[in-house]
Amino acid sequence: MNDILSLIGSGVNGLTLNIKGEDLLTFADSLIAKAKEQLLPVMVRAAQEQLLSKKEVLEKFNVCPTTLWNWSRSGYLIPVKIGKKVSYRQADIERLIIERGAK
């Protein structure tokens, strides 16, 4: 498999390869493993993303539930709904704090 990578990486133009099916599957498996290795940290960060409850957001911005509903409708602050629970991304809240100058 490393031979395939070195041949491809050598930059030879018009390269024709005769590969056994088993070697091709091994190569494909290695590419998949490499992609997973690179994507896993990104997916873990996304899964660990901090969420704030609706109550926390109401208190942080000192607004009423209707305001949050209006913000959602207008696309200003989109909630994350998990089942019936409504939460908000910390990153979105921080963005609004910067835009509004709120504390």
Protein backbone atom coordinates (compact mmCIF):
# COMPACT_ATOMS: atom_id res chain seq x y z
CA MET A 1 0.00 0.00 0.00
CA ASN A 2 2.81 2.41 0.78
CA ASP A 3 4.15 1.61 -2.67
CA ILE A 4 0.90 2.87 -4.21
CA LEU A 5 1.13 6.13 -2.26
CA SER A 6 4.76 6.66 -3.22
CA LEU A 7 4.02 5.98 -6.90
CA ILE A 8 1.11 8.40 -6.91
CA GLY A 9 3.12 10.97 -4.97
CA SER A 10 6.09 10.74 -7.34
CA GLY A 11 4.20 12.80 -9.90
CA VAL A 12 4.69 10.38 -12.78
CA ASN A 13 2.34 11.31 -15.62
CA GLY A 14 0.36 8.64 -17.42
CA LEU A 15 0.91 6.07 -14.71
CA THR A 16 -0.99 2.82 -15.21
CA LEU A 17 -1.29 0.47 -12.27
CA ASN A 18 -2.21 -3.20 -12.16
CA ILE A 19 -3.57 -3.80 -8.68
CA LYS A 20 -5.01 -6.89 -7.09
CA GLY A 21 -8.50 -6.42 -5.71
CA GLU A 22 -7.27 -7.19 -2.20
CA ASP A 23 -4.61 -4.47 -2.43
CA LEU A 24 -7.18 -1.99 -3.71
CA LEU A 25 -9.47 -2.76 -0.77
CA THR A 26 -6.56 -2.33 1.64
CA PHE A 27 -5.74 1.02 0.04
CA ALA A 28 -9.38 2.13 0.27
CA ASP A 29 -9.52 1.08 3.93
CA SER A 30 -6.39 3.11 4.65
CA LEU A 31 -7.88 6.18 2.97
CA ILE A 32 -11.06 5.81 5.01
CA ALA A 33 -9.06 5.41 8.22
CA LYS A 34 -7.03 8.52 7.40
CA ALA A 35 -10.19 10.54 6.70
CA LYS A 36 -11.75 9.38 9.98
CA GLU A 37 -8.57 10.31 11.83
CA GLN A 38 -8.71 13.83 10.42
CA LEU A 39 -12.46 14.30 10.93
CA LEU A 40 -12.75 12.85 14.43
CA PRO A 41 -11.34 15.91 16.27
CA VAL A 42 -13.70 18.19 14.32
CA MET A 43 -16.70 16.01 15.13
CA VAL A 44 -15.75 15.79 18.83
CA ARG A 45 -15.47 19.58 19.09
CA ALA A 46 -18.89 19.96 17.47
CA ALA A 47 -20.42 17.41 19.83
CA GLN A 48 -18.95 19.18 22.85
CA GLU A 49 -20.30 22.54 21.78
CA GLN A 50 -21.69 24.37 24.78
CA LEU A 51 -25.43 24.95 24.79
CA LEU A 52 -27.33 27.42 26.96
CA SER A 53 -30.87 26.87 28.13
CA LYS A 54 -33.70 29.16 27.11
CA LYS A 55 -33.85 30.48 30.68
CA GLU A 56 -30.13 31.33 30.66
CA VAL A 57 -30.49 33.25 27.40
CA LEU A 58 -33.54 35.14 28.68
CA GLU A 59 -31.57 36.21 31.75
CA LYS A 60 -28.41 37.04 29.82
CA PHE A 61 -30.18 39.40 27.43
CA ASN A 62 -32.94 40.47 29.83
CA VAL A 63 -35.62 39.80 27.22
CA CYS A 64 -38.98 38.04 27.28
CA PRO A 65 -39.76 34.68 25.61
CA THR A 66 -41.58 36.49 22.82
CA THR A 67 -38.37 38.28 21.89
CA LEU A 68 -36.52 34.97 21.60
CA TRP A 69 -39.36 33.64 19.46
CA ASN A 70 -39.15 36.72 17.20
CA TRP A 71 -35.36 36.39 16.98
CA SER A 72 -35.82 32.77 15.92
CA ARG A 73 -38.37 33.67 13.24
CA SER A 74 -36.15 36.42 11.85
CA GLY A 75 -33.01 34.25 11.89
CA TYR A 76 -31.28 36.55 14.39
CA LEU A 77 -30.80 33.76 16.97
CA ILE A 78 -31.65 30.22 15.89
CA PRO A 79 -32.36 27.73 18.69
CA VAL A 80 -31.16 24.14 18.78
CA LYS A 81 -34.09 21.84 19.47
CA ILE A 82 -33.45 18.44 20.99
CA GLY A 83 -36.83 16.80 21.42
CA LYS A 84 -38.96 19.44 23.10
CA LYS A 85 -35.99 21.12 24.79
CA VAL A 86 -34.89 24.45 23.33
CA SER A 87 -31.25 25.47 23.72
CA TYR A 88 -28.94 28.03 22.15
CA ARG A 89 -25.32 27.71 21.01
CA GLN A 90 -22.79 29.54 23.17
CA ALA A 91 -20.99 30.76 20.03
CA ASP A 92 -24.23 32.37 18.75
CA ILE A 93 -24.77 34.06 22.12
CA GLU A 94 -21.21 35.42 22.13
CA ARG A 95 -21.71 36.77 18.61
CA LEU A 96 -24.86 38.59 19.70
CA ILE A 97 -23.13 39.98 22.78
CA ILE A 98 -20.47 41.49 20.56
CA GLU A 99 -23.09 42.86 18.13
CA ARG A 100 -25.37 44.26 20.85
CA GLY A 101 -22.71 45.24 23.35
CA ALA A 102 -24.72 43.40 26.05
CA LYS A 103 -23.25 42.04 29.26
